Amino acid sequence: MTDTTPLPRITVLGIGNLLWADEGFGVRCVEALQQRYEFAANVTLIDGGTQGLYLIQHVQQADYLLIFDAVDYNMAPGTLKFVADDEVPRFLGVKKLSLHQTGFQEVLMLAQLTGHYPRKVLLMGCQPERLDDYGGSLRPCVKDALELTLEAAVEVLADWGAAPRPRTADLSGDDAVTLRHLDLQRYEHERPSAQDACRVGDERILARRH
C-alpha cells in the first residue's frame, strides 16, 4: 500500500547582517549549508537577512523550521546553544543584538496568533565575539562554531526528512541563497583596509560630535 502522507515542509532560515562581523553568523550558516549539500524537494533554504516581519509567510508555511542566528547568551564567544520549540521566542528576546531579532521575535508571535506555526522549531544560536566591525567577517571562534553547527544541522535535517547529501551539482549564482558578490571568500578577500574604509562609522560624521 502506497503511503500518501505529504512530506513536511522544511524551512532553513539564516538571519542576521553580513556587514557587521559575527552578526552574519546565521546567513553564513545557510550559505555554507547550500554550498555543501543538496536536499529533497520539500526543503527551502532562505537568507532572511534583516527582513523581520517580511519573513512571516515563510514561517507560516513551514511544518519544521530551523533557524541560524547570532544570539547573545551571555556566554564565551563562539559558544553554541540550541533551543527548541516554545523556548525559541524567549531566547531571541532576552538580549537583542539588533533590530532584526525584535522583528523576528514578532514574526514568531504573529505566526502563533494566526494559528499557522511550525510543528517543530529549532534555533541554532552562536554567541558572537565582535559586532562593531563594519564590513568585517566572522571571527575565528565563530567560524569554528559554524562548522559544528553545520554538522549538527545536517543530522537534524536528516531526522526531519530533508534527505541531505553532499552536493554534486554546481550551484549557479541564480540559485544561491546569498548574492554572488557577498560570498564569504570574495567578501573577505575584497574587503578594503581600515585606512581606506572606516570600520566603525564615517569619520566625517564622527568628527562633528567633538
N, C-alpha and C. Protein backbone atom coordinates (compact mmCIF):
# COMPACT_ATOMS: atom_id res chain seq x y z
N MET A 1 0.86 -1.21 0.00
CA MET A 1 0.00 0.00 0.00
C MET A 1 0.88 1.24 0.00
N THR A 2 0.58 2.20 -0.89
CA THR A 2 1.39 3.40 -1.01
C THR A 2 1.07 4.39 0.09
N ASP A 3 2.12 4.93 0.70
CA ASP A 3 1.95 5.95 1.74
C ASP A 3 1.72 7.30 1.06
N THR A 4 0.55 7.89 1.28
CA THR A 4 0.22 9.17 0.65
C THR A 4 0.40 10.35 1.62
N THR A 5 1.02 10.11 2.77
CA THR A 5 1.24 11.18 3.73
C THR A 5 2.19 12.22 3.13
N PRO A 6 1.78 13.50 3.06
CA PRO A 6 2.66 14.51 2.45
C PRO A 6 3.92 14.72 3.29
N LEU A 7 5.00 15.00 2.61
CA LEU A 7 6.24 15.28 3.31
C LEU A 7 6.15 16.62 4.04
N PRO A 8 6.78 16.72 5.20
CA PRO A 8 6.74 18.00 5.92
C PRO A 8 7.48 19.08 5.14
N ARG A 9 6.96 20.28 5.17
CA ARG A 9 7.62 21.41 4.53
C ARG A 9 8.69 21.94 5.50
N ILE A 10 9.93 21.82 5.09
CA ILE A 10 11.06 22.17 5.94
C ILE A 10 11.69 23.47 5.45
N THR A 11 11.80 24.44 6.35
CA THR A 11 12.42 25.71 6.02
C THR A 11 13.66 25.91 6.88
N VAL A 12 14.76 26.22 6.22
CA VAL A 12 16.02 26.53 6.92
C VAL A 12 16.29 28.01 6.70
N LEU A 13 16.36 28.75 7.78
CA LEU A 13 16.39 30.21 7.71
C LEU A 13 17.62 30.76 8.44
N GLY A 14 18.43 31.50 7.72
CA GLY A 14 19.56 32.18 8.34
C GLY A 14 19.23 33.66 8.46
N ILE A 15 19.32 34.21 9.66
CA ILE A 15 19.02 35.63 9.83
C ILE A 15 20.23 36.36 10.42
N GLY A 16 20.31 37.66 10.12
CA GLY A 16 21.43 38.45 10.59
C GLY A 16 21.91 39.41 9.52
N ASN A 17 22.98 40.12 9.82
CA ASN A 17 23.52 41.15 8.94
C ASN A 17 24.97 40.84 8.61
N LEU A 18 25.25 40.50 7.36
CA LEU A 18 26.60 40.13 6.94
C LEU A 18 27.60 41.26 7.13
N LEU A 19 27.13 42.49 7.14
CA LEU A 19 28.05 43.63 7.16
C LEU A 19 28.63 43.94 8.53
N TRP A 20 28.14 43.28 9.57
CA TRP A 20 28.61 43.57 10.92
C TRP A 20 29.22 42.32 11.56
N ALA A 21 30.29 41.83 10.95
CA ALA A 21 31.12 40.76 11.52
C ALA A 21 30.28 39.56 11.95
N ASP A 22 30.32 39.21 13.24
CA ASP A 22 29.66 37.98 13.72
C ASP A 22 28.14 38.02 13.64
N GLU A 23 27.59 39.21 13.37
CA GLU A 23 26.14 39.30 13.16
C GLU A 23 25.72 38.51 11.93
N GLY A 24 26.67 38.19 11.08
CA GLY A 24 26.35 37.45 9.87
C GLY A 24 26.35 35.95 10.05
N PHE A 25 26.53 35.46 11.27
CA PHE A 25 26.63 34.02 11.52
C PHE A 25 25.49 33.23 10.89
N GLY A 26 24.26 33.66 11.11
CA GLY A 26 23.10 32.90 10.62
C GLY A 26 23.07 32.79 9.12
N VAL A 27 23.35 33.90 8.44
CA VAL A 27 23.33 33.89 6.98
C VAL A 27 24.49 33.05 6.43
N ARG A 28 25.65 33.14 7.07
CA ARG A 28 26.79 32.33 6.62
C ARG A 28 26.51 30.84 6.81
N CYS A 29 25.76 30.49 7.81
CA CYS A 29 25.41 29.08 8.02
C CYS A 29 24.56 28.55 6.87
N VAL A 30 23.51 29.27 6.53
CA VAL A 30 22.62 28.77 5.48
C VAL A 30 23.33 28.82 4.13
N GLU A 31 24.23 29.79 3.94
CA GLU A 31 25.02 29.87 2.72
C GLU A 31 25.91 28.64 2.58
N ALA A 32 26.65 28.31 3.64
CA ALA A 32 27.56 27.16 3.60
C ALA A 32 26.80 25.85 3.46
N LEU A 33 25.65 25.77 4.11
CA LEU A 33 24.84 24.55 4.02
C LEU A 33 24.43 24.30 2.58
N GLN A 34 24.01 25.34 1.89
CA GLN A 34 23.59 25.18 0.49
C GLN A 34 24.78 24.86 -0.41
N GLN A 35 25.93 25.46 -0.13
CA GLN A 35 27.10 25.21 -0.97
C GLN A 35 27.61 23.78 -0.85
N ARG A 36 27.37 23.15 0.30
CA ARG A 36 27.92 21.83 0.54
C ARG A 36 26.93 20.69 0.36
N TYR A 37 25.63 20.99 0.45
CA TYR A 37 24.63 19.92 0.44
C TYR A 37 23.48 20.21 -0.51
N GLU A 38 22.87 19.13 -0.97
CA GLU A 38 21.61 19.18 -1.70
C GLU A 38 20.55 18.53 -0.82
N PHE A 39 19.29 18.90 -1.06
CA PHE A 39 18.21 18.42 -0.20
C PHE A 39 17.00 18.00 -1.04
N ALA A 40 16.09 17.32 -0.38
CA ALA A 40 14.85 16.90 -1.03
C ALA A 40 14.03 18.12 -1.43
N ALA A 41 13.04 17.90 -2.29
CA ALA A 41 12.25 19.00 -2.84
C ALA A 41 11.39 19.71 -1.79
N ASN A 42 11.20 19.08 -0.64
CA ASN A 42 10.36 19.69 0.40
C ASN A 42 11.15 20.62 1.31
N VAL A 43 12.39 20.93 0.93
CA VAL A 43 13.27 21.77 1.76
C VAL A 43 13.52 23.10 1.07
N THR A 44 13.38 24.19 1.83
CA THR A 44 13.65 25.53 1.33
C THR A 44 14.69 26.20 2.20
N LEU A 45 15.75 26.71 1.59
CA LEU A 45 16.79 27.44 2.30
C LEU A 45 16.63 28.92 2.00
N ILE A 46 16.69 29.75 3.05
CA ILE A 46 16.41 31.18 2.87
C ILE A 46 17.44 32.02 3.61
N ASP A 47 17.96 33.02 2.91
CA ASP A 47 18.74 34.08 3.55
C ASP A 47 17.74 35.12 4.02
N GLY A 48 17.44 35.09 5.32
CA GLY A 48 16.43 36.01 5.86
C GLY A 48 16.98 37.39 6.15
N GLY A 49 18.30 37.52 6.19
CA GLY A 49 18.90 38.82 6.43
C GLY A 49 18.31 39.52 7.64
N THR A 50 17.86 40.74 7.42
CA THR A 50 17.24 41.55 8.49
C THR A 50 15.81 41.90 8.10
N GLN A 51 15.13 41.00 7.41
CA GLN A 51 13.82 41.32 6.85
C GLN A 51 12.69 41.38 7.87
N GLY A 52 12.91 40.82 9.04
CA GLY A 52 11.90 40.95 10.09
C GLY A 52 10.54 40.41 9.68
N LEU A 53 9.51 41.27 9.78
CA LEU A 53 8.14 40.83 9.54
C LEU A 53 7.90 40.33 8.12
N TYR A 54 8.77 40.66 7.18
CA TYR A 54 8.61 40.17 5.82
C TYR A 54 8.83 38.66 5.72
N LEU A 55 9.33 38.06 6.80
CA LEU A 55 9.57 36.61 6.80
C LEU A 55 8.35 35.82 7.29
N ILE A 56 7.28 36.50 7.63
CA ILE A 56 6.13 35.84 8.23
C ILE A 56 5.59 34.72 7.35
N GLN A 57 5.52 34.91 6.05
CA GLN A 57 4.94 33.88 5.18
C GLN A 57 5.78 32.60 5.20
N HIS A 58 7.09 32.76 5.32
CA HIS A 58 7.96 31.58 5.33
C HIS A 58 7.78 30.78 6.62
N VAL A 59 7.55 31.48 7.72
CA VAL A 59 7.32 30.80 8.99
C VAL A 59 5.95 30.12 8.97
N GLN A 60 4.95 30.80 8.47
CA GLN A 60 3.60 30.24 8.45
C GLN A 60 3.49 29.01 7.56
N GLN A 61 4.29 28.96 6.50
CA GLN A 61 4.20 27.85 5.56
C GLN A 61 5.03 26.64 5.96
N ALA A 62 5.87 26.80 6.97
CA ALA A 62 6.77 25.71 7.36
C ALA A 62 6.11 24.75 8.35
N ASP A 63 6.36 23.46 8.16
CA ASP A 63 6.00 22.48 9.17
C ASP A 63 7.14 22.35 10.19
N TYR A 64 8.35 22.34 9.67
CA TYR A 64 9.55 22.30 10.51
C TYR A 64 10.41 23.51 10.15
N LEU A 65 10.88 24.23 11.16
CA LEU A 65 11.66 25.44 10.93
C LEU A 65 12.98 25.37 11.69
N LEU A 66 14.08 25.48 10.95
CA LEU A 66 15.42 25.53 11.54
C LEU A 66 15.97 26.93 11.34
N ILE A 67 16.39 27.57 12.43
CA ILE A 67 16.87 28.95 12.39
C ILE A 67 18.34 28.99 12.82
N PHE A 68 19.14 29.71 12.04
CA PHE A 68 20.52 30.01 12.41
C PHE A 68 20.59 31.50 12.75
N ASP A 69 21.26 31.83 13.87
CA ASP A 69 21.37 33.25 14.22
C ASP A 69 22.48 33.45 15.25
N ALA A 70 23.03 34.66 15.28
CA ALA A 70 23.93 35.07 16.35
C ALA A 70 23.05 35.52 17.51
N VAL A 71 23.26 34.94 18.69
CA VAL A 71 22.41 35.21 19.84
C VAL A 71 23.29 35.54 21.05
N ASP A 72 22.94 36.60 21.76
CA ASP A 72 23.70 36.95 22.96
C ASP A 72 23.18 36.12 24.14
N TYR A 73 23.87 35.02 24.40
CA TYR A 73 23.52 34.15 25.52
C TYR A 73 24.28 34.53 26.79
N ASN A 74 25.12 35.58 26.70
CA ASN A 74 25.98 35.96 27.80
C ASN A 74 26.96 34.83 28.14
N MET A 75 27.51 34.23 27.09
CA MET A 75 28.47 33.15 27.22
C MET A 75 29.78 33.54 26.52
N ALA A 76 30.74 32.65 26.55
CA ALA A 76 32.02 32.91 25.89
C ALA A 76 31.80 32.97 24.37
N PRO A 77 32.51 33.86 23.66
CA PRO A 77 32.37 33.94 22.21
C PRO A 77 32.58 32.59 21.54
N GLY A 78 31.73 32.31 20.58
CA GLY A 78 31.82 31.05 19.86
C GLY A 78 31.03 29.91 20.49
N THR A 79 30.44 30.16 21.65
CA THR A 79 29.64 29.13 22.31
C THR A 79 28.33 28.91 21.58
N LEU A 80 27.98 27.67 21.38
CA LEU A 80 26.73 27.32 20.72
C LEU A 80 25.67 26.92 21.74
N LYS A 81 24.44 27.31 21.46
CA LYS A 81 23.32 26.88 22.28
C LYS A 81 22.13 26.67 21.36
N PHE A 82 21.56 25.48 21.43
CA PHE A 82 20.42 25.14 20.59
C PHE A 82 19.16 25.13 21.44
N VAL A 83 18.14 25.82 20.97
CA VAL A 83 16.89 25.99 21.71
C VAL A 83 15.74 25.55 20.83
N ALA A 84 14.77 24.86 21.41
CA ALA A 84 13.70 24.28 20.60
C ALA A 84 12.31 24.78 20.98
N ASP A 85 11.45 24.81 19.98
CA ASP A 85 10.01 24.99 20.11
C ASP A 85 9.62 26.25 20.91
N ASP A 86 8.88 26.10 22.00
CA ASP A 86 8.34 27.27 22.71
C ASP A 86 9.41 28.15 23.34
N GLU A 87 10.61 27.63 23.51
CA GLU A 87 11.69 28.41 24.12
C GLU A 87 12.31 29.40 23.13
N VAL A 88 12.12 29.18 21.84
CA VAL A 88 12.81 29.99 20.83
C VAL A 88 12.46 31.47 20.92
N PRO A 89 11.18 31.88 20.93
CA PRO A 89 10.88 33.31 21.02
C PRO A 89 11.47 33.96 22.27
N ARG A 90 11.49 33.24 23.36
CA ARG A 90 12.02 33.80 24.60
C ARG A 90 13.50 34.10 24.49
N PHE A 91 14.26 33.19 23.90
CA PHE A 91 15.70 33.40 23.80
C PHE A 91 16.04 34.50 22.80
N LEU A 92 15.25 34.65 21.77
CA LEU A 92 15.50 35.72 20.81
C LEU A 92 15.21 37.08 21.42
N GLY A 93 14.42 37.11 22.46
CA GLY A 93 14.04 38.39 23.05
C GLY A 93 14.76 38.76 24.32
N VAL A 94 15.64 37.89 24.83
CA VAL A 94 16.30 38.16 26.11
C VAL A 94 17.21 39.38 26.02
N LYS A 95 18.14 39.35 25.10
CA LYS A 95 19.10 40.45 24.92
C LYS A 95 19.36 40.58 23.44
N LYS A 96 18.70 41.52 22.82
CA LYS A 96 18.73 41.62 21.36
C LYS A 96 20.05 42.24 20.89
N LEU A 97 20.63 41.63 19.85
CA LEU A 97 21.84 42.18 19.26
C LEU A 97 21.50 43.30 18.28
N SER A 98 20.35 43.21 17.64
CA SER A 98 19.98 44.22 16.65
C SER A 98 18.47 44.19 16.45
N LEU A 99 17.99 45.12 15.64
CA LEU A 99 16.55 45.22 15.41
C LEU A 99 15.98 44.01 14.71
N HIS A 100 16.81 43.27 13.96
CA HIS A 100 16.26 42.12 13.23
C HIS A 100 15.72 41.08 14.19
N GLN A 101 16.31 40.99 15.40
CA GLN A 101 15.80 40.00 16.35
C GLN A 101 14.47 40.43 16.93
N THR A 102 14.28 41.72 17.12
CA THR A 102 12.97 42.21 17.54
C THR A 102 11.94 41.84 16.49
N GLY A 103 12.27 42.10 15.24
CA GLY A 103 11.34 41.79 14.16
C GLY A 103 11.04 40.32 14.05
N PHE A 104 12.05 39.48 14.20
CA PHE A 104 11.80 38.06 14.03
C PHE A 104 11.07 37.47 15.23
N GLN A 105 11.31 37.99 16.40
CA GLN A 105 10.53 37.56 17.56
C GLN A 105 9.05 37.86 17.33
N GLU A 106 8.77 39.00 16.75
CA GLU A 106 7.38 39.36 16.43
C GLU A 106 6.81 38.44 15.35
N VAL A 107 7.64 38.02 14.41
CA VAL A 107 7.20 37.09 13.38
C VAL A 107 6.71 35.79 14.01
N LEU A 108 7.48 35.25 14.93
CA LEU A 108 7.09 34.01 15.59
C LEU A 108 5.80 34.17 16.39
N MET A 109 5.68 35.29 17.08
CA MET A 109 4.48 35.53 17.87
C MET A 109 3.26 35.70 16.97
N LEU A 110 3.44 36.40 15.85
CA LEU A 110 2.33 36.59 14.91
C LEU A 110 1.90 35.27 14.29
N ALA A 111 2.87 34.43 13.96
CA ALA A 111 2.54 33.12 13.40
C ALA A 111 1.73 32.30 14.40
N GLN A 112 2.07 32.40 15.68
CA GLN A 112 1.31 31.69 16.71
C GLN A 112 -0.11 32.22 16.78
N LEU A 113 -0.26 33.54 16.73
CA LEU A 113 -1.58 34.16 16.83
C LEU A 113 -2.47 33.79 15.65
N THR A 114 -1.88 33.63 14.48
CA THR A 114 -2.67 33.29 13.29
C THR A 114 -2.96 31.80 13.18
N GLY A 115 -2.40 31.01 14.07
CA GLY A 115 -2.64 29.58 14.04
C GLY A 115 -1.86 28.84 12.97
N HIS A 116 -0.88 29.51 12.38
CA HIS A 116 -0.03 28.88 11.36
C HIS A 116 1.41 28.91 11.86
N TYR A 117 1.71 27.97 12.72
CA TYR A 117 3.01 27.92 13.38
C TYR A 117 3.63 26.54 13.14
N PRO A 118 4.94 26.49 12.88
CA PRO A 118 5.57 25.20 12.61
C PRO A 118 5.38 24.20 13.74
N ARG A 119 5.29 22.93 13.37
CA ARG A 119 5.17 21.88 14.38
C ARG A 119 6.46 21.72 15.18
N LYS A 120 7.57 22.00 14.51
CA LYS A 120 8.87 21.94 15.17
C LYS A 120 9.66 23.20 14.82
N VAL A 121 10.30 23.79 15.84
CA VAL A 121 11.16 24.94 15.63
C VAL A 121 12.46 24.70 16.39
N LEU A 122 13.58 24.91 15.72
CA LEU A 122 14.88 24.75 16.38
C LEU A 122 15.75 25.95 16.04
N LEU A 123 16.23 26.62 17.08
CA LEU A 123 17.16 27.74 16.92
C LEU A 123 18.56 27.26 17.24
N MET A 124 19.46 27.37 16.26
CA MET A 124 20.87 27.08 16.47
C MET A 124 21.59 28.42 16.56
N GLY A 125 21.90 28.83 17.78
CA GLY A 125 22.47 30.15 18.01
C GLY A 125 23.91 30.09 18.44
N CYS A 126 24.66 31.13 18.09
CA CYS A 126 26.07 31.22 18.45
C CYS A 126 26.33 32.56 19.13
N GLN A 127 27.08 32.52 20.22
CA GLN A 127 27.49 33.74 20.91
C GLN A 127 28.55 34.47 20.06
N PRO A 128 28.27 35.71 19.65
CA PRO A 128 29.24 36.44 18.83
C PRO A 128 30.41 36.97 19.66
N GLU A 129 31.50 37.27 18.96
CA GLU A 129 32.64 37.91 19.62
C GLU A 129 32.70 39.40 19.30
N ARG A 130 32.47 39.74 18.02
CA ARG A 130 32.62 41.13 17.59
C ARG A 130 31.49 41.51 16.66
N LEU A 131 30.89 42.67 16.92
CA LEU A 131 29.80 43.14 16.08
C LEU A 131 30.11 44.50 15.46
N ASP A 132 30.86 45.34 16.16
CA ASP A 132 31.09 46.72 15.70
C ASP A 132 32.26 46.82 14.73
N ASP A 133 32.24 45.98 13.72
CA ASP A 133 33.29 45.96 12.71
C ASP A 133 32.60 45.98 11.36
N TYR A 134 32.30 47.17 10.87
CA TYR A 134 31.53 47.31 9.63
C TYR A 134 32.33 46.78 8.45
N GLY A 135 31.73 45.88 7.71
CA GLY A 135 32.42 45.24 6.60
C GLY A 135 33.28 44.08 7.04
N GLY A 136 33.24 43.76 8.32
CA GLY A 136 34.05 42.67 8.86
C GLY A 136 33.42 41.32 8.62
N SER A 137 34.18 40.27 8.91
CA SER A 137 33.70 38.91 8.71
C SER A 137 33.65 38.19 10.05
N LEU A 138 33.31 36.92 10.00
CA LEU A 138 33.22 36.12 11.21
C LEU A 138 34.59 35.99 11.87
N ARG A 139 34.63 36.07 13.19
CA ARG A 139 35.85 35.85 13.93
C ARG A 139 36.16 34.35 13.94
N PRO A 140 37.44 33.99 14.13
CA PRO A 140 37.83 32.56 14.06
C PRO A 140 36.99 31.65 14.94
N CYS A 141 36.70 32.06 16.17
CA CYS A 141 35.93 31.17 17.06
C CYS A 141 34.51 30.97 16.55
N VAL A 142 33.96 31.98 15.89
CA VAL A 142 32.61 31.86 15.34
C VAL A 142 32.63 31.03 14.07
N LYS A 143 33.71 31.13 13.29
CA LYS A 143 33.85 30.25 12.13
C LYS A 143 33.93 28.78 12.55
N ASP A 144 34.67 28.53 13.63
CA ASP A 144 34.75 27.16 14.15
C ASP A 144 33.37 26.68 14.59
N ALA A 145 32.62 27.58 15.23
CA ALA A 145 31.27 27.23 15.68
C ALA A 145 30.36 26.94 14.50
N LEU A 146 30.57 27.67 13.40
CA LEU A 146 29.77 27.43 12.19
C LEU A 146 29.93 25.99 11.71
N GLU A 147 31.16 25.49 11.72
CA GLU A 147 31.40 24.12 11.27
C GLU A 147 30.66 23.11 12.15
N LEU A 148 30.71 23.33 13.45
CA LEU A 148 30.00 22.43 14.37
C LEU A 148 28.49 22.54 14.18
N THR A 149 28.04 23.74 13.92
CA THR A 149 26.61 23.95 13.70
C THR A 149 26.12 23.20 12.47
N LEU A 150 26.91 23.26 11.40
CA LEU A 150 26.50 22.57 10.17
C LEU A 150 26.43 21.06 10.38
N GLU A 151 27.38 20.51 11.11
CA GLU A 151 27.34 19.08 11.40
C GLU A 151 26.05 18.71 12.13
N ALA A 152 25.72 19.50 13.14
CA ALA A 152 24.50 19.23 13.91
C ALA A 152 23.26 19.45 13.06
N ALA A 153 23.28 20.48 12.22
CA ALA A 153 22.12 20.79 11.38
C ALA A 153 21.83 19.67 10.39
N VAL A 154 22.87 19.10 9.80
CA VAL A 154 22.68 18.01 8.84
C VAL A 154 22.03 16.81 9.52
N GLU A 155 22.43 16.53 10.74
CA GLU A 155 21.83 15.42 11.48
C GLU A 155 20.35 15.68 11.75
N VAL A 156 20.05 16.89 12.18
CA VAL A 156 18.66 17.25 12.46
C VAL A 156 17.82 17.18 11.18
N LEU A 157 18.34 17.74 10.11
CA LEU A 157 17.59 17.75 8.86
C LEU A 157 17.38 16.35 8.31
N ALA A 158 18.35 15.48 8.49
CA ALA A 158 18.17 14.09 8.08
C ALA A 158 17.05 13.44 8.87
N ASP A 159 17.00 13.72 10.16
CA ASP A 159 15.95 13.18 11.02
C ASP A 159 14.58 13.73 10.63
N TRP A 160 14.54 14.96 10.15
CA TRP A 160 13.28 15.58 9.76
C TRP A 160 12.79 15.11 8.39
N GLY A 161 13.64 14.46 7.63
CA GLY A 161 13.23 14.00 6.31
C GLY A 161 13.69 14.89 5.17
N ALA A 162 14.75 15.68 5.41
CA ALA A 162 15.25 16.59 4.38
C ALA A 162 16.17 15.89 3.38
N ALA A 163 16.60 14.68 3.70
CA ALA A 163 17.47 13.89 2.82
C ALA A 163 18.72 14.64 2.38
N PRO A 164 19.51 15.17 3.32
CA PRO A 164 20.73 15.88 2.91
C PRO A 164 21.75 14.93 2.30
N ARG A 165 22.45 15.40 1.29
CA ARG A 165 23.50 14.62 0.64
C ARG A 165 24.54 15.59 0.11
N PRO A 166 25.80 15.19 0.08
CA PRO A 166 26.85 16.09 -0.42
C PRO A 166 26.52 16.60 -1.81
N ARG A 167 26.76 17.87 -2.03
CA ARG A 167 26.42 18.48 -3.32
C ARG A 167 27.28 17.91 -4.45
N THR A 168 26.62 17.55 -5.53
CA THR A 168 27.31 17.07 -6.72
C THR A 168 27.11 18.01 -7.91
N ALA A 169 25.98 18.71 -7.90
CA ALA A 169 25.69 19.65 -8.99
C ALA A 169 26.22 21.04 -8.64
N ASP A 170 26.75 21.72 -9.63
CA ASP A 170 27.24 23.07 -9.41
C ASP A 170 26.09 23.99 -9.00
N LEU A 171 26.41 24.91 -8.12
CA LEU A 171 25.43 25.88 -7.64
C LEU A 171 25.59 27.16 -8.44
N SER A 172 24.58 27.50 -9.22
CA SER A 172 24.66 28.71 -10.03
C SER A 172 24.38 29.93 -9.18
N GLY A 173 24.78 31.07 -9.69
CA GLY A 173 24.55 32.32 -8.95
C GLY A 173 23.08 32.60 -8.74
N ASP A 174 22.24 32.20 -9.70
CA ASP A 174 20.81 32.44 -9.58
C ASP A 174 20.17 31.58 -8.50
N ASP A 175 20.76 30.42 -8.22
CA ASP A 175 20.20 29.51 -7.23
C ASP A 175 20.72 29.79 -5.81
N ALA A 176 21.82 30.50 -5.72
CA ALA A 176 22.45 30.72 -4.40
C ALA A 176 21.57 31.57 -3.51
N VAL A 177 21.53 31.21 -2.22
CA VAL A 177 20.70 31.96 -1.28
C VAL A 177 21.26 33.35 -1.00
N THR A 178 22.58 33.51 -1.10
CA THR A 178 23.19 34.83 -0.92
C THR A 178 23.72 35.34 -2.26
N LEU A 179 23.82 36.64 -2.38
CA LEU A 179 24.31 37.24 -3.61
C LEU A 179 25.75 36.84 -3.87
N ARG A 180 26.09 36.66 -5.13
CA ARG A 180 27.42 36.17 -5.50
C ARG A 180 28.52 37.08 -4.95
N HIS A 181 28.33 38.39 -5.00
CA HIS A 181 29.39 39.29 -4.55
C HIS A 181 29.51 39.34 -3.03
N LEU A 182 28.57 38.67 -2.31
CA LEU A 182 28.67 38.59 -0.86
C LEU A 182 29.14 37.22 -0.38
N ASP A 183 29.50 36.35 -1.31
CA ASP A 183 30.06 35.05 -0.96
C ASP A 183 31.21 35.24 0.04
N LEU A 184 31.31 34.37 1.03
CA LEU A 184 32.25 34.57 2.13
C LEU A 184 33.68 34.80 1.65
N GLN A 185 34.17 33.95 0.75
CA GLN A 185 35.55 34.07 0.30
C GLN A 185 35.79 35.40 -0.42
N ARG A 186 34.88 35.74 -1.30
CA ARG A 186 35.03 37.01 -2.03
C ARG A 186 34.90 38.19 -1.08
N TYR A 187 33.97 38.12 -0.18
CA TYR A 187 33.72 39.20 0.78
C TYR A 187 34.96 39.48 1.62
N GLU A 188 35.64 38.42 2.05
CA GLU A 188 36.81 38.59 2.89
C GLU A 188 38.02 39.09 2.10
N HIS A 189 38.21 38.57 0.89
CA HIS A 189 39.40 38.93 0.13
C HIS A 189 39.32 40.30 -0.52
N GLU A 190 38.11 40.79 -0.76
CA GLU A 190 37.96 42.08 -1.41
C GLU A 190 37.66 43.21 -0.44
N ARG A 191 37.72 42.92 0.83
CA ARG A 191 37.44 43.95 1.83
C ARG A 191 38.54 45.00 1.84
N PRO A 192 38.19 46.31 1.80
CA PRO A 192 39.23 47.35 1.86
C PRO A 192 39.84 47.44 3.25
N SER A 193 41.00 48.02 3.34
CA SER A 193 41.69 48.17 4.62
C SER A 193 40.98 49.20 5.48
N ALA A 194 41.33 49.21 6.77
CA ALA A 194 40.74 50.19 7.69
C ALA A 194 41.11 51.61 7.29
N GLN A 195 42.26 51.78 6.64
CA GLN A 195 42.69 53.11 6.20
C GLN A 195 41.83 53.60 5.03
N ASP A 196 41.42 52.66 4.19
CA ASP A 196 40.61 53.03 3.02
C ASP A 196 39.13 53.15 3.34
N ALA A 197 38.67 52.42 4.34
CA ALA A 197 37.25 52.44 4.67
C ALA A 197 37.08 52.28 6.17
N CYS A 198 36.56 53.31 6.80
CA CYS A 198 36.35 53.28 8.26
C CYS A 198 35.42 52.13 8.63
N ARG A 199 35.76 51.42 9.68
CA ARG A 199 35.00 50.21 10.04
C ARG A 199 34.03 50.41 11.19
N VAL A 200 34.02 51.60 11.78
CA VAL A 200 33.10 51.82 12.89
C VAL A 200 32.12 52.96 12.61
N GLY A 201 32.30 53.66 11.51
CA GLY A 201 31.43 54.77 11.16
C GLY A 201 32.18 55.75 10.29
N ASP A 202 31.47 56.67 9.71
CA ASP A 202 32.09 57.66 8.83
C ASP A 202 32.81 58.70 9.68
N GLU A 203 34.13 58.82 9.51
CA GLU A 203 34.92 59.74 10.34
C GLU A 203 34.47 61.19 10.18
N ARG A 204 33.92 61.54 9.03
CA ARG A 204 33.45 62.90 8.81
C ARG A 204 32.27 63.22 9.72
N ILE A 205 31.43 62.21 9.95
CA ILE A 205 30.28 62.40 10.83
C ILE A 205 30.71 62.37 12.29
N LEU A 206 31.57 61.39 12.62
CA LEU A 206 32.00 61.26 13.99
C LEU A 206 32.75 62.50 14.46
N ALA A 207 33.48 63.16 13.55
CA ALA A 207 34.27 64.34 13.92
C ALA A 207 33.37 65.50 14.35
N ARG A 208 32.15 65.53 13.88
CA ARG A 208 31.24 66.64 14.20
C ARG A 208 30.76 66.58 15.66
N ARG A 209 30.96 65.45 16.30
CA ARG A 209 30.48 65.33 17.68
C ARG A 209 31.43 66.00 18.67
N HIS A 210 32.60 66.40 18.21
CA HIS A 210 33.61 66.97 19.11
C HIS A 210 33.67 68.48 18.97
